[in-house]
Every structure is written in structure tokens, then in C-alpha cells.
Protein backbone atom coordinates (compact mmCIF):
# COMPACT_ATOMS: atom_id res chain seq x y z
CA UNK A 1 215.12 58.57 24.78
CA UNK A 2 215.33 58.63 20.98
CA UNK A 3 213.21 61.79 20.84
CA UNK A 4 215.37 63.81 23.25
CA UNK A 5 218.82 62.34 22.57
CA UNK A 6 220.26 62.53 19.08
CA UNK A 7 223.66 62.27 17.42
CA UNK A 8 224.35 65.99 17.78
CA UNK A 9 223.64 65.96 21.50
CA UNK A 10 225.63 62.75 21.89
CA UNK A 11 228.61 64.31 20.09
CA UNK A 12 228.36 67.41 22.25
CA UNK A 13 228.19 65.35 25.43
CA UNK A 14 231.18 63.24 24.40
CA UNK A 15 233.10 66.48 23.84
CA UNK A 16 232.10 67.60 27.34
CA UNK A 17 233.46 64.33 28.77
CA UNK A 18 236.66 64.70 26.77
CA UNK A 19 237.20 68.25 28.04
CA UNK A 20 236.35 67.24 31.62
CA UNK A 21 238.79 64.36 31.44
CA UNK A 22 241.54 66.59 30.08
CA UNK A 23 241.02 69.24 32.72
CA UNK A 24 240.64 66.82 35.62
CA UNK A 25 243.40 64.36 34.78
CA UNK A 26 245.49 65.92 32.02
CA UNK A 27 244.54 63.00 29.76
CA UNK A 28 241.76 62.61 27.21
CA UNK A 29 242.26 59.09 25.91
CA UNK A 30 239.42 56.57 25.65
CA UNK A 31 240.57 54.52 28.66
CA UNK A 32 240.72 57.56 30.95
CA UNK A 33 237.30 58.76 29.81
CA UNK A 34 235.85 55.29 30.46
CA UNK A 35 237.45 55.25 33.91
CA UNK A 36 235.95 58.68 34.67
CA UNK A 37 232.50 57.49 33.61
CA UNK A 38 232.76 54.64 36.13
CA UNK A 39 234.18 56.98 38.79
CA UNK A 40 231.46 59.61 38.31
CA UNK A 41 228.62 57.09 38.14
CA UNK A 42 229.75 55.22 41.24
CA UNK A 43 230.29 58.50 43.10
CA UNK A 44 226.77 59.64 42.25
CA UNK A 45 225.20 56.33 43.23
CA UNK A 46 227.16 56.30 46.48
CA UNK A 47 226.04 59.84 47.34
CA UNK A 48 222.40 59.30 46.47
CA UNK A 49 221.96 55.68 47.62
CA UNK A 50 224.79 54.78 50.01
CA UNK A 51 223.04 51.66 51.26
CA UNK A 52 222.87 50.32 47.70
CA UNK A 53 226.62 50.73 47.22
CA UNK A 54 227.28 49.27 50.66
CA UNK A 55 225.23 46.19 49.76
CA UNK A 56 226.89 45.94 46.33
CA UNK A 57 230.35 46.24 47.90
CA UNK A 58 229.54 43.38 50.29
CA UNK A 59 228.32 41.21 47.42
CA UNK A 60 231.19 42.07 45.06
CA UNK A 61 234.43 42.57 47.00
CA UNK A 62 236.60 42.20 43.90
CA UNK A 63 234.65 44.90 42.10
CA UNK A 64 234.83 47.09 45.21
CA UNK A 65 238.63 46.77 45.10
CA UNK A 66 238.61 47.70 41.40
CA UNK A 67 236.45 50.76 42.10
CA UNK A 68 238.83 51.78 44.90
CA UNK A 69 241.76 51.43 42.50
CA UNK A 70 239.95 53.66 39.98
CA UNK A 71 239.35 56.30 42.68
CA UNK A 72 243.03 56.23 43.62
CA UNK A 73 244.09 56.49 39.98
CA UNK A 74 241.76 59.44 39.32
CA UNK A 75 243.09 61.17 42.43
CA UNK A 76 246.68 60.57 41.38
CA UNK A 77 246.09 61.77 37.80
CA UNK A 78 244.30 64.85 39.10
CA UNK A 79 247.10 65.71 41.51
CA UNK A 80 249.71 65.26 38.79
CA UNK A 81 247.73 67.39 36.31
CA UNK A 82 247.13 70.06 38.94
CA UNK A 83 250.84 70.28 39.76
CA UNK A 84 251.67 70.59 36.07
CA UNK A 85 249.04 73.21 35.25
CA UNK A 86 247.27 74.55 38.38
CA UNK A 87 245.29 77.31 36.66
CA UNK A 88 243.35 75.10 34.21
CA UNK A 89 241.28 73.38 36.90
CA UNK A 90 238.65 76.08 37.36
CA UNK A 91 238.02 77.00 33.69
């Protein structure tokens, strides 16, 4: 990965995450960005390998509850941000 991923690309990608976080939730702090990384990664895994997440959820019920709480928080932040500034969402 060293050959294709460098500091410039990393900086650019972090900026993309920051902008995504701001537009989705209205917040761009480190904690929200971290939460969105978990949310997006879990969502992708669940969509591409649902049996894996089902098995993981059975093995880790506490973590499943934490993931559910993150999903609810992202939804709530998104709804609040959308009510405050509804035109920014599709930029």
C-alpha cells in the first residue's frame, strides 16, 4: 500500500471524510468522524457479507448494541442537520 497511498492522498481522503461528516451530520469533530468510519464500514460489510455480520452480532451482543446506538446517533444527527440546512445535503 505504501506505493499507492501517500501523505498527500491520505490528507485528501481525510478532508473528504471531514466534508462528508459535516454535510451528513452538521459536525466535523474527530469523534463524529470516527463514528462515521465505524458506521460506513459496518454498513458496507453488512451489505456485502450479511452472514458475517449476523454471525458477529451473535458472538458479540454488546458490540451489536453499540453499533445500533451509532446508527441511531448518525440518523439523529443527520435529521437535525437536514432540518437546519436542507439544501446542503446534495452538494
